[in-house]
C-alpha atoms as a PDB file:
ATOM      1  CA  MET A   1     -37.497 -50.942-102.535  1.00  0.00           C
ATOM      2  CA  LEU A   2     -36.612 -48.203-105.033  1.00  0.00           C
ATOM      3  CA  GLU A   3     -35.448 -44.940-103.498  1.00  0.00           C
ATOM      4  CA  ARG A   4     -37.594 -41.878-104.030  1.00  0.00           C
ATOM      5  CA  HIS A   5     -35.625 -38.716-104.616  1.00  0.00           C
ATOM      6  CA  ILE A   6     -38.336 -36.243-103.598  1.00  0.00           C
ATOM      7  CA  ASN A   7     -39.863 -35.587-100.201  1.00  0.00           C
ATOM      8  CA  ALA A   8     -41.764 -32.736 -98.566  1.00  0.00           C
ATOM      9  CA  ARG A   9     -38.622 -30.649 -98.002  1.00  0.00           C
ATOM     10  CA  THR A  10     -36.697 -31.309-101.224  1.00  0.00           C
ATOM     11  CA  ALA A  11     -37.578 -27.955-102.800  1.00  0.00           C
ATOM     12  CA  ASP A  12     -36.351 -26.031 -99.750  1.00  0.00           C
ATOM     13  CA  GLU A  13     -33.156 -28.092 -99.685  1.00  0.00           C
ATOM     14  CA  ILE A  14     -32.419 -27.382-103.354  1.00  0.00           C
ATOM     15  CA  VAL A  15     -32.803 -23.632-102.841  1.00  0.00           C
ATOM     16  CA  ALA A  16     -30.779 -23.669 -99.618  1.00  0.00           C
ATOM     17  CA  LYS A  17     -27.799 -25.140-101.504  1.00  0.00           C
ATOM     18  CA  LYS A  18     -27.762 -22.199-103.925  1.00  0.00           C
ATOM     19  CA  TYR A  19     -28.859 -19.282-101.729  1.00  0.00           C
ATOM     20  CA  ASP A  20     -27.313 -18.052 -98.486  1.00  0.00           C
ATOM     21  CA  THR A  21     -29.744 -17.930 -95.566  1.00  0.00           C
ATOM     22  CA  ASP A  22     -29.658 -14.127 -95.394  1.00  0.00           C
ATOM     23  CA  TYR A  23     -29.620 -13.553 -99.163  1.00  0.00           C
ATOM     24  CA  THR A  24     -31.592 -10.528-100.380  1.00  0.00           C
ATOM     25  CA  SER A  25     -32.120  -9.410-103.959  1.00  0.00           C
ATOM     26  CA  GLU A  26     -31.925  -5.737-104.900  1.00  0.00           C
ATOM     27  CA  LEU A  27     -33.963  -6.170-108.085  1.00  0.00           C
ATOM     28  CA  SER A  28     -37.267  -4.371-108.501  1.00  0.00           C
ATOM     29  CA  SER A  29     -40.409  -6.346-109.290  1.00  0.00           C
ATOM     30  CA  GLY A  30     -40.222  -5.234-112.918  1.00  0.00           C
ATOM     31  CA  GLN A  31     -36.594  -6.300-113.211  1.00  0.00           C
ATOM     32  CA  VAL A  32     -37.410  -9.708-111.734  1.00  0.00           C
ATOM     33  CA  ILE A  33     -40.228 -10.208-114.238  1.00  0.00           C
ATOM     34  CA  ASN A  34     -37.933  -9.280-117.139  1.00  0.00           C
ATOM     35  CA  LYS A  35     -35.212 -11.653-115.967  1.00  0.00           C
ATOM     36  CA  MET A  36     -37.765 -14.419-115.476  1.00  0.00           C
ATOM     37  CA  ALA A  37     -39.031 -13.864-119.021  1.00  0.00           C
ATOM     38  CA  GLY A  38     -35.468 -14.224-120.257  1.00  0.00           C
ATOM     39  CA  LEU A  39     -35.044 -17.462-118.296  1.00  0.00           C
ATOM     40  CA  ALA A  40     -38.259 -18.833-119.799  1.00  0.00           C
ATOM     41  CA  VAL A  41     -37.074 -18.111-123.341  1.00  0.00           C
ATOM     42  CA  ALA A  42     -33.626 -19.556-122.635  1.00  0.00           C
ATOM     43  CA  GLY A  43     -35.139 -22.637-121.014  1.00  0.00           C
ATOM     44  CA  GLN A  44     -37.471 -23.276-123.926  1.00  0.00           C
ATOM     45  CA  LYS A  45     -34.581 -22.986-126.371  1.00  0.00           C
ATOM     46  CA  ARG A  46     -32.379 -25.279-124.288  1.00  0.00           C
ATOM     47  CA  MET A  47     -35.144 -27.855-123.898  1.00  0.00           C
ATOM     48  CA  THR A  48     -35.679 -28.063-127.666  1.00  0.00           C
ATOM     49  CA  GLU A  49     -31.935 -28.270-128.269  1.00  0.00           C
ATOM     50  CA  ARG A  50     -31.608 -31.101-125.735  1.00  0.00           C
ATOM     51  CA  HIS A  51     -34.680 -33.214-126.506  1.00  0.00           C
ATOM     52  CA  GLY A  52     -35.974 -32.079-129.892  1.00  0.00           C
ATOM     53  CA  SER A  53     -39.476 -31.382-131.185  1.00  0.00           C
ATOM     54  CA  VAL A  54     -42.193 -33.066-133.254  1.00  0.00           C
ATOM     55  CA  LEU A  55     -44.645 -30.486-134.616  1.00  0.00           C
ATOM     56  CA  PRO A  56     -44.697 -28.513-136.807  1.00  0.00           C
ATOM     57  CA  ASN A  57     -41.142 -29.670-137.610  1.00  0.00           C
ATOM     58  CA  SER A  58     -39.650 -32.929-136.378  1.00  0.00           C
ATOM     59  CA  ARG A  59     -36.077 -32.330-135.251  1.00  0.00           C
ATOM     60  CA  PRO A  60     -33.808 -34.346-132.960  1.00  0.00           C
ATOM     61  CA  GLY A  61     -32.128 -32.932-129.895  1.00  0.00           C
ATOM     62  CA  ARG A  62     -28.446 -33.305-129.106  1.00  0.00           C
ATOM     63  CA  ILE A  63     -29.217 -35.619-126.162  1.00  0.00           C
ATOM     64  CA  ALA A  64     -32.293 -37.426-127.493  1.00  0.00           C
ATOM     65  CA  HIS A  65     -35.276 -37.108-129.800  1.00  0.00           C
ATOM     66  CA  LEU A  66     -38.188 -37.620-127.442  1.00  0.00           C
ATOM     67  CA  GLY A  67     -41.735 -38.023-128.676  1.00  0.00           C
ATOM     68  CA  TYR A  68     -43.445 -36.390-125.712  1.00  0.00           C
ATOM     69  CA  ASN A  69     -41.142 -34.759-123.149  1.00  0.00           C
ATOM     70  CA  ASN A  70     -39.670 -32.344-125.660  1.00  0.00           C
ATOM     71  CA  GLY A  71     -39.707 -28.690-126.661  1.00  0.00           C
ATOM     72  CA  ASP A  72     -43.279 -28.921-127.956  1.00  0.00           C
ATOM     73  CA  HIS A  73     -44.521 -30.071-124.567  1.00  0.00           C
ATOM     74  CA  THR A  74     -42.812 -27.283-122.622  1.00  0.00           C
ATOM     75  CA  ARG A  75     -44.115 -24.670-125.090  1.00  0.00           C
ATOM     76  CA  ILE A  76     -47.701 -25.926-124.698  1.00  0.00           C
ATOM     77  CA  PHE A  77     -47.264 -26.154-120.905  1.00  0.00           C
ATOM     78  CA  ALA A  78     -46.139 -22.509-120.802  1.00  0.00           C
ATOM     79  CA  HIS A  79     -49.118 -21.353-122.860  1.00  0.00           C
ATOM     80  CA  ARG A  80     -51.558 -23.283-120.700  1.00  0.00           C
ATOM     81  CA  SER A  81     -50.057 -21.909-117.488  1.00  0.00           C
ATOM     82  CA  ASN A  82     -50.265 -18.352-118.838  1.00  0.00           C
ATOM     83  CA  VAL A  83     -53.938 -18.788-119.757  1.00  0.00           C
ATOM     84  CA  LEU A  84     -54.794 -20.491-116.468  1.00  0.00           C
ATOM     85  CA  GLY A  85     -52.902 -17.908-114.418  1.00  0.00           C
ATOM     86  CA  ARG A  86     -54.719 -15.043-116.109  1.00  0.00           C
ATOM     87  CA  SER A  87     -58.098 -16.702-115.574  1.00  0.00           C
ATOM     88  CA  MET A  88     -57.300 -16.979-111.859  1.00  0.00           C
ATOM     89  CA  GLY A  89     -56.200 -13.355-111.571  1.00  0.00           C
ATOM     90  CA  HIS A  90     -52.558 -14.129-110.889  1.00  0.00           C
ATOM     91  CA  SER A  91     -50.021 -11.315-110.892  1.00  0.00           C
ATOM     92  CA  ALA A  92     -47.510 -10.749-113.685  1.00  0.00           C
ATOM     93  CA  LEU A  93     -44.781 -12.133-111.415  1.00  0.00           C
ATOM     94  CA  GLN A  94     -46.793 -15.283-110.669  1.00  0.00           C
ATOM     95  CA  ILE A  95     -47.429 -15.875-114.370  1.00  0.00           C
ATOM     96  CA  ALA A  96     -43.755 -15.303-115.151  1.00  0.00           C
ATOM     97  CA  THR A  97     -42.937 -17.963-112.538  1.00  0.00           C
ATOM     98  CA  HIS A  98     -45.424 -20.380-114.093  1.00  0.00           C
ATOM     99  CA  GLU A  99     -43.788 -19.918-117.505  1.00  0.00           C
ATOM    100  CA  VAL A 100     -40.265 -20.429-116.162  1.00  0.00           C
ATOM    101  CA  VAL A 101     -41.345 -23.638-114.441  1.00  0.00           C
ATOM    102  CA  ALA A 102     -42.899 -24.813-117.713  1.00  0.00           C
ATOM    103  CA  ALA A 103     -39.715 -24.200-119.689  1.00  0.00           C
ATOM    104  CA  TRP A 104     -37.393 -25.966-117.226  1.00  0.00           C
ATOM    105  CA  HIS A 105     -39.478 -28.724-115.623  1.00  0.00           C
ATOM    106  CA  ASP A 106     -38.359 -31.493-118.041  1.00  0.00           C
ATOM    107  CA  MET A 107     -34.797 -30.336-118.632  1.00  0.00           C
ATOM    108  CA  ASP A 108     -33.296 -33.570-117.288  1.00  0.00           C
ATOM    109  CA  GLN A 109     -34.867 -36.669-118.855  1.00  0.00           C
ATOM    110  CA  THR A 110     -32.236 -39.247-117.885  1.00  0.00           C
ATOM    111  CA  SER A 111     -34.733 -41.717-116.396  1.00  0.00           C
ATOM    112  CA  VAL A 112     -37.033 -41.385-119.402  1.00  0.00           C
ATOM    113  CA  ILE A 113     -34.203 -41.954-121.878  1.00  0.00           C
ATOM    114  CA  LYS A 114     -32.929 -44.983-119.942  1.00  0.00           C
ATOM    115  CA  GLY A 115     -36.413 -46.390-119.415  1.00  0.00           C
ATOM    116  CA  ALA A 116     -35.813 -46.337-115.660  1.00  0.00           C
ATOM    117  CA  PRO A 117     -38.565 -45.984-113.001  1.00  0.00           C
ATOM    118  CA  ARG A 118     -39.695 -42.396-112.417  1.00  0.00           C
ATOM    119  CA  MET A 119     -38.581 -41.892-108.821  1.00  0.00           C
ATOM    120  CA  GLY A 120     -38.182 -38.110-108.935  1.00  0.00           C
ATOM    121  CA  LEU A 121     -34.505 -37.862-109.861  1.00  0.00           C
ATOM    122  CA  ASP A 122     -35.187 -36.103-113.176  1.00  0.00           C
ATOM    123  CA  GLU A 123     -37.504 -33.559-111.572  1.00  0.00           C
ATOM    124  CA  LYS A 124     -35.017 -32.889-108.776  1.00  0.00           C
ATOM    125  CA  SER A 125     -32.173 -32.428-111.263  1.00  0.00           C
ATOM    126  CA  SER A 126     -34.299 -30.132-113.459  1.00  0.00           C
ATOM    127  CA  ALA A 127     -35.181 -28.024-110.428  1.00  0.00           C
ATOM    128  CA  GLU A 128     -31.500 -27.781-109.464  1.00  0.00           C
ATOM    129  CA  MET A 129     -30.622 -26.580-112.974  1.00  0.00           C
ATOM    130  CA  LEU A 130     -33.259 -23.850-112.841  1.00  0.00           C
ATOM    131  CA  ILE A 131     -32.449 -22.681-109.310  1.00  0.00           C
ATOM    132  CA  ASP A 132     -28.779 -22.414-110.270  1.00  0.00           C
ATOM    133  CA  GLU A 133     -29.717 -20.120-113.157  1.00  0.00           C
ATOM    134  CA  MET A 134     -32.100 -18.100-110.974  1.00  0.00           C
ATOM    135  CA  ARG A 135     -29.357 -17.491-108.405  1.00  0.00           C
ATOM    136  CA  LYS A 136     -27.003 -16.294-111.143  1.00  0.00           C
ATOM    137  CA  LYS A 137     -29.691 -13.831-112.265  1.00  0.00           C
ATOM    138  CA  HIS A 138     -30.167 -12.603-108.679  1.00  0.00           C
ATOM    139  CA  ILE A 139     -33.809 -13.704-108.603  1.00  0.00           C
ATOM    140  CA  PRO A 140     -35.218 -13.387-105.054  1.00  0.00           C
ATOM    141  CA  LYS A 141     -34.913 -16.502-102.940  1.00  0.00           C
ATOM    142  CA  GLU A 142     -38.648 -16.698-102.250  1.00  0.00           C
ATOM    143  CA  ILE A 143     -39.397 -16.816-105.998  1.00  0.00           C
ATOM    144  CA  ALA A 144     -36.806 -19.539-106.502  1.00  0.00           C
ATOM    145  CA  ASP A 145     -38.454 -21.563-103.759  1.00  0.00           C
ATOM    146  CA  LEU A 146     -41.825 -21.351-105.508  1.00  0.00           C
ATOM    147  CA  ALA A 147     -40.250 -22.418-108.815  1.00  0.00           C
ATOM    148  CA  ALA A 148     -38.670 -25.446-107.147  1.00  0.00           C
ATOM    149  CA  TYR A 149     -42.034 -26.527-105.749  1.00  0.00           C
ATOM    150  CA  GLY A 150     -43.524 -26.031-109.204  1.00  0.00           C
ATOM    151  CA  ILE A 151     -41.076 -28.345-110.940  1.00  0.00           C
ATOM    152  CA  LEU A 152     -41.207 -31.020-108.258  1.00  0.00           C
ATOM    153  CA  GLY A 153     -45.001 -30.866-108.416  1.00  0.00           C
ATOM    154  CA  THR A 154     -44.911 -32.363-111.927  1.00  0.00           C
ATOM    155  CA  TRP A 155     -43.337 -35.618-110.748  1.00  0.00           C
ATOM    156  CA  PRO A 156     -45.651 -38.411-112.007  1.00  0.00           C
ATOM    157  CA  VAL A 157     -47.106 -40.747-109.404  1.00  0.00           C
ATOM    158  CA  MET A 158     -47.668 -44.323-110.601  1.00  0.00           C
ATOM    159  CA  ASN A 159     -49.694 -47.162-109.123  1.00  0.00           C
ATOM    160  CA  LYS A 160     -48.277 -50.659-108.623  1.00  0.00           C
ATOM    161  CA  ALA A 161     -49.144 -51.545-112.230  1.00  0.00           C
ATOM    162  CA  GLY A 162     -47.045 -48.663-113.501  1.00  0.00           C
ATOM    163  CA  VAL A 163     -50.072 -46.599-114.589  1.00  0.00           C
ATOM    164  CA  LEU A 164     -50.034 -42.830-114.076  1.00  0.00           C
ATOM    165  CA  VAL A 165     -52.566 -41.884-111.418  1.00  0.00           C
ATOM    166  CA  GLY A 166     -51.556 -38.331-110.552  1.00  0.00           C
ATOM    167  CA  GLN A 167     -48.700 -36.008-109.684  1.00  0.00           C
ATOM    168  CA  TRP A 168     -46.716 -35.011-106.636  1.00  0.00           C
ATOM    169  CA  ALA A 169     -48.478 -31.628-106.538  1.00  0.00           C
ATOM    170  CA  SER A 170     -51.735 -33.305-105.560  1.00  0.00           C
ATOM    171  CA  VAL A 171     -50.162 -35.855-103.219  1.00  0.00           C
ATOM    172  CA  LEU A 172     -48.103 -33.515-101.023  1.00  0.00           C
ATOM    173  CA  ASP A 173     -50.153 -32.110 -98.132  1.00  0.00           C
ATOM    174  CA  ASP A 174     -47.376 -30.331 -96.248  1.00  0.00           C
ATOM    175  CA  TYR A 175     -46.650 -27.172 -98.236  1.00  0.00           C
ATOM    176  CA  PRO A 176     -44.827 -24.345 -96.447  1.00  0.00           C
ATOM    177  CA  SER A 177     -47.201 -21.728 -97.874  1.00  0.00           C
ATOM    178  CA  LYS A 178     -50.327 -21.272 -99.987  1.00  0.00           C
ATOM    179  CA  GLU A 179     -48.115 -19.726-102.671  1.00  0.00           C
ATOM    180  CA  ALA A 180     -45.915 -22.831-102.895  1.00  0.00           C
ATOM    181  CA  GLU A 181     -48.979 -25.046-103.073  1.00  0.00           C
ATOM    182  CA  MET A 182     -50.505 -22.928-105.836  1.00  0.00           C
ATOM    183  CA  GLU A 183     -47.319 -22.993-107.910  1.00  0.00           C
ATOM    184  CA  ALA A 184     -47.118 -26.768-107.657  1.00  0.00           C
ATOM    185  CA  LEU A 185     -50.798 -27.215-108.477  1.00  0.00           C
ATOM    186  CA  VAL A 186     -50.621 -24.905-111.506  1.00  0.00           C
ATOM    187  CA  ALA A 187     -47.556 -26.778-112.750  1.00  0.00           C
ATOM    188  CA  GLY A 188     -49.096 -30.194-112.194  1.00  0.00           C
ATOM    189  CA  THR A 189     -52.303 -29.095-113.883  1.00  0.00           C
ATOM    190  CA  CYS A 190     -50.692 -27.518-116.946  1.00  0.00           C
ATOM    191  CA  ASP A 191     -48.188 -30.350-117.341  1.00  0.00           C
ATOM    192  CA  LEU A 192     -51.282 -32.364-118.322  1.00  0.00           C
ATOM    193  CA  GLY A 193     -53.068 -29.369-119.807  1.00  0.00           C
ATOM    194  CA  ASP A 194     -53.421 -30.906-123.271  1.00  0.00           C
ATOM    195  CA  LEU A 195     -54.792 -34.231-122.031  1.00  0.00           C
ATOM    196  CA  TYR A 196     -58.251 -33.376-123.353  1.00  0.00           C
ATOM    197  CA  SER A 197     -57.202 -31.302-126.362  1.00  0.00           C
ATOM    198  CA  SER A 198     -57.400 -32.284-130.026  1.00  0.00           C
ATOM    199  CA  ARG A 199     -53.670 -33.021-129.837  1.00  0.00           C
ATOM    200  CA  SER A 200     -54.114 -35.629-127.099  1.00  0.00           C
ATOM    201  CA  PRO A 201     -54.335 -38.781-129.298  1.00  0.00           C
ATOM    202  CA  PHE A 202     -51.230 -37.768-131.248  1.00  0.00           C
ATOM    203  CA  ASP A 203     -49.379 -37.045-128.012  1.00  0.00           C
ATOM    204  CA  SER A 204     -50.459 -40.445-126.689  1.00  0.00           C
ATOM    205  CA  SER A 205     -48.974 -42.184-129.739  1.00  0.00           C
ATOM    206  CA  ASN A 206     -45.704 -40.306-129.347  1.00  0.00           C
ATOM    207  CA  LEU A 207     -45.653 -41.041-125.632  1.00  0.00           C
ATOM    208  CA  TYR A 208     -45.889 -44.728-126.504  1.00  0.00           C
ATOM    209  CA  ARG A 209     -42.989 -44.370-128.926  1.00  0.00           C
ATOM    210  CA  GLN A 210     -40.979 -42.656-126.215  1.00  0.00           C
ATOM    211  CA  ARG A 211     -41.763 -45.280-123.569  1.00  0.00           C
ATOM    212  CA  GLU A 212     -40.725 -48.047-125.935  1.00  0.00           C
ATOM    213  CA  GLY A 213     -37.406 -46.354-126.717  1.00  0.00           C
ATOM    214  CA  TYR A 214     -38.222 -45.111-130.222  1.00  0.00           C
ATOM    215  CA  THR A 215     -37.923 -41.657-131.775  1.00  0.00           C
ATOM    216  CA  PRO A 216     -40.924 -39.797-133.242  1.00  0.00           C
ATOM    217  CA  ASP A 217     -39.819 -40.872-136.728  1.00  0.00           C
ATOM    218  CA  GLN A 218     -39.717 -44.603-135.980  1.00  0.00           C
ATOM    219  CA  VAL A 219     -42.337 -47.362-135.857  1.00  0.00           C
ATOM    220  CA  PRO A 220     -42.440 -48.796-132.323  1.00  0.00           C
ATOM    221  CA  ARG A 221     -43.006 -52.471-131.612  1.00  0.00           C
ATOM    222  CA  PRO A 222     -46.646 -53.404-130.932  1.00  0.00           C
ATOM    223  CA  ASP A 223     -46.028 -55.582-127.859  1.00  0.00           C
ATOM    224  CA  ASN A 224     -47.250 -53.131-125.207  1.00  0.00           C
ATOM    225  CA  TYR A 225     -49.539 -50.950-127.298  1.00  0.00           C
ATOM    226  CA  ILE A 226     -52.858 -52.357-126.080  1.00  0.00           C
ATOM    227  CA  LYS A 227     -51.703 -51.996-122.473  1.00  0.00           C
ATOM    228  CA  HIS A 228     -50.700 -48.397-123.200  1.00  0.00           C
ATOM    229  CA  LEU A 229     -54.050 -47.543-124.811  1.00  0.00           C
ATOM    230  CA  THR A 230     -55.968 -49.232-121.997  1.00  0.00           C
ATOM    231  CA  GLY A 231     -54.126 -47.097-119.453  1.00  0.00           C
ATOM    232  CA  GLN A 232     -54.828 -43.958-121.491  1.00  0.00           C
ATOM    233  CA  VAL A 233     -58.562 -44.715-121.662  1.00  0.00           C
ATOM    234  CA  GLY A 234     -58.722 -45.206-117.896  1.00  0.00           C
ATOM    235  CA  PHE A 235     -56.763 -42.048-117.201  1.00  0.00           C
ATOM    236  CA  LEU A 236     -58.967 -39.974-119.511  1.00  0.00           C
ATOM    237  CA  GLU A 237     -62.054 -41.265-117.725  1.00  0.00           C
ATOM    238  CA  ASN A 238     -60.801 -40.674-114.195  1.00  0.00           C
ATOM    239  CA  HIS A 239     -58.409 -37.718-114.178  1.00  0.00           C
ATOM    240  CA  LYS A 240     -59.501 -34.627-112.284  1.00  0.00           C
ATOM    241  CA  TYR A 241     -57.540 -31.413-112.324  1.00  0.00           C
ATOM    242  CA  PRO A 242     -56.835 -30.029-108.846  1.00  0.00           C
ATOM    243  CA  ILE A 243     -57.815 -26.511-109.973  1.00  0.00           C
ATOM    244  CA  ALA A 244     -61.485 -25.819-110.675  1.00  0.00           C
ATOM    245  CA  GLN A 245     -60.839 -23.379-113.538  1.00  0.00           C
ATOM    246  CA  ALA A 246     -58.872 -26.072-115.374  1.00  0.00           C
ATOM    247  CA  GLU A 247     -61.685 -28.583-114.934  1.00  0.00           C
ATOM    248  CA  GLU A 248     -63.909 -26.115-116.751  1.00  0.00           C
ATOM    249  CA  SER A 249     -61.604 -24.819-119.489  1.00  0.00           C
ATOM    250  CA  PHE A 250     -59.218 -27.723-120.181  1.00  0.00           C
ATOM    251  CA  LYS A 251     -61.921 -30.398-120.495  1.00  0.00           C
ATOM    252  CA  ARG A 252     -64.105 -28.901-123.211  1.00  0.00           C
ATOM    253  CA  LEU A 253     -63.223 -31.704-125.623  1.00  0.00           C
ATOM    254  CA  GLN A 254     -63.331 -34.491-123.036  1.00  0.00           C
ATOM    255  CA  PRO A 255     -66.284 -36.344-124.659  1.00  0.00           C
ATOM    256  CA  GLU A 256     -64.653 -36.336-128.098  1.00  0.00           C
ATOM    257  CA  VAL A 257     -61.174 -37.267-126.844  1.00  0.00           C
ATOM    258  CA  ALA A 258     -62.440 -40.040-124.560  1.00  0.00           C
ATOM    259  CA  SER A 259     -64.686 -41.488-127.269  1.00  0.00           C
ATOM    260  CA  TYR A 260     -61.876 -41.473-129.823  1.00  0.00           C
ATOM    261  CA  ALA A 261     -59.498 -43.163-127.367  1.00  0.00           C
ATOM    262  CA  GLU A 262     -62.008 -45.941-126.636  1.00  0.00           C
ATOM    263  CA  LYS A 263     -62.709 -46.562-130.330  1.00  0.00           C
ATOM    264  CA  LYS A 264     -59.002 -46.591-131.132  1.00  0.00           C
ATOM    265  CA  LEU A 265     -58.386 -49.155-128.403  1.00  0.00           C
ATOM    266  CA  GLU A 266     -61.099 -51.446-129.745  1.00  0.00           C
ATOM    267  CA  ARG A 267     -59.873 -51.057-133.324  1.00  0.00           C
ATOM    268  CA  VAL A 268     -56.270 -51.837-132.347  1.00  0.00           C
ATOM    269  CA  LYS A 269     -57.395 -54.901-130.366  1.00  0.00           C
ATOM    270  CA  LYS A 270     -59.240 -56.158-133.420  1.00  0.00           C
ATOM    271  CA  ARG A 271     -56.322 -55.557-135.785  1.00  0.00           C
ATOM    272  CA  LEU A 272     -53.727 -57.151-133.490  1.00  0.00           C
ATOM    273  CA  LYS A 273     -55.833 -60.172-132.590  1.00  0.00           C
ATOM    274  CA  GLY A 274     -54.019 -63.289-133.722  1.00  0.00           C
ATOM    275  CA  GLY A 275     -50.784 -61.397-134.329  1.00  0.00           C
ATOM    276  CA  VAL A 276     -49.411 -59.357-137.231  1.00  0.00           C
ATOM    277  CA  ASP A 277     -46.107 -59.357-139.064  1.00  0.00           C
ATOM    278  CA  LYS A 278     -43.730 -56.409-139.163  1.00  0.00           C
ATOM    279  CA  GLN A 279     -45.070 -55.058-142.460  1.00  0.00           C
ATOM    280  CA  GLU A 280     -48.691 -55.288-141.354  1.00  0.00           C
ATOM    281  CA  TRP A 281     -47.901 -53.514-138.092  1.00  0.00           C
ATOM    282  CA  ALA A 282     -46.084 -50.719-139.943  1.00  0.00           C
ATOM    283  CA  GLY A 283     -49.224 -50.153-141.993  1.00  0.00           C
ATOM    284  CA  ILE A 284     -51.416 -50.150-138.898  1.00  0.00           C
ATOM    285  CA  TRP A 285     -49.137 -47.687-137.144  1.00  0.00           C
ATOM    286  CA  LYS A 286     -49.105 -45.387-140.161  1.00  0.00           C
ATOM    287  CA  GLY A 287     -52.904 -45.437-140.082  1.00  0.00           C
ATOM    288  CA  VAL A 288     -52.950 -44.673-136.347  1.00  0.00           C
ATOM    289  CA  ILE A 289     -50.788 -41.577-136.803  1.00  0.00           C
ATOM    290  CA  SER A 290     -52.765 -40.428-139.839  1.00  0.00           C
ATOM    291  CA  THR A 291     -56.047 -40.747-137.957  1.00  0.00           C
ATOM    292  CA  ASP A 292     -54.606 -38.996-134.883  1.00  0.00           C
ATOM    293  CA  LEU A 293     -53.609 -36.068-137.096  1.00  0.00           C
ATOM    294  CA  SER A 294     -57.083 -35.984-138.662  1.00  0.00           C
ATOM    295  CA  PHE A 295     -58.592 -35.825-135.180  1.00  0.00           C
ATOM    296  CA  MET A 296     -56.197 -33.016-134.274  1.00  0.00           C
ATOM    297  CA  ARG A 297     -57.344 -30.985-137.278  1.00  0.00           C
ATOM    298  CA  ASP A 298     -61.055 -31.441-136.538  1.00  0.00           C
ATOM    299  CA  PRO A 299     -62.003 -33.364-133.363  1.00  0.00           C
ATOM    300  CA  LYS A 300     -65.706 -32.772-133.953  1.00  0.00           C
ATOM    301  CA  LYS A 301     -65.562 -34.667-137.249  1.00  0.00           C
ATOM    302  CA  ASN A 302     -64.883 -38.029-135.564  1.00  0.00           C
ATOM    303  CA  PRO A 303     -62.517 -39.451-138.247  1.00  0.00           C
ATOM    304  CA  PRO A 304     -63.104 -43.093-139.280  1.00  0.00           C
ATOM    305  CA  LEU A 305     -60.705 -45.596-137.730  1.00  0.00           C
ATOM    306  CA  ASP A 306     -60.074 -47.524-140.935  1.00  0.00           C
ATOM    307  CA  PHE A 307     -56.435 -48.485-140.373  1.00  0.00           C
END
């Protein structure tokens, strides 16, 4: 059996390694917020430098050029967490924590790059990186603990078929405080905050590229594409955000996104039936990306799937 690297006490253990038991910070609330803002900016910059970006400019990172878990994703995550936090009446310090978690939650993508099972090692390592930086900035221990729970909460939970069914934030039922639970739930929610946005189909295509070991500028092999799209359709139909405000505000385009995903799946099945050669597949893939971008520009227009 594969070893999981996250359990109910992992966040506390990570913080305990960096902070003395009796550690106290002398920073004021305003100073903490300012330092957290600086960490969020630094984390976003580091994430893009490590793993690249796709839109509006495609650029590789020094470690990898990932199609999904890249600087674009962390930027969108941060925006979503800011909007959600404000809608829930969260304090400036809570929102600053959400944004720091967003910037650092995918910092280590070793398992993704290697195509290894997602057993929590990347999330644990990313949390350790952030907590190390927070200790250097003299951020209070209790804030660091919340941030650790936030990052670990984004760990994807798969079923036996390898299909994403949720996140650790929704699975864990033994939080040490309501604040830790909220940070994890906000992170888990906003990590998938664009699932029902106009960008979702394009993100899905780039996620497939990433899973197959290709960069955002390459044409992936078609072997597992129907399986990928089938999983996406099921996830779009069944996913429920653990925060009520997100169910209301993040799912406004659910009908359009779900309908497009279903039609794309059927079109791809039809085009791949009987097999295609490399040149034909390249043309199909080019059409997929073009149509995804058309949907992103105007999801209400329902672009024709004529690839």
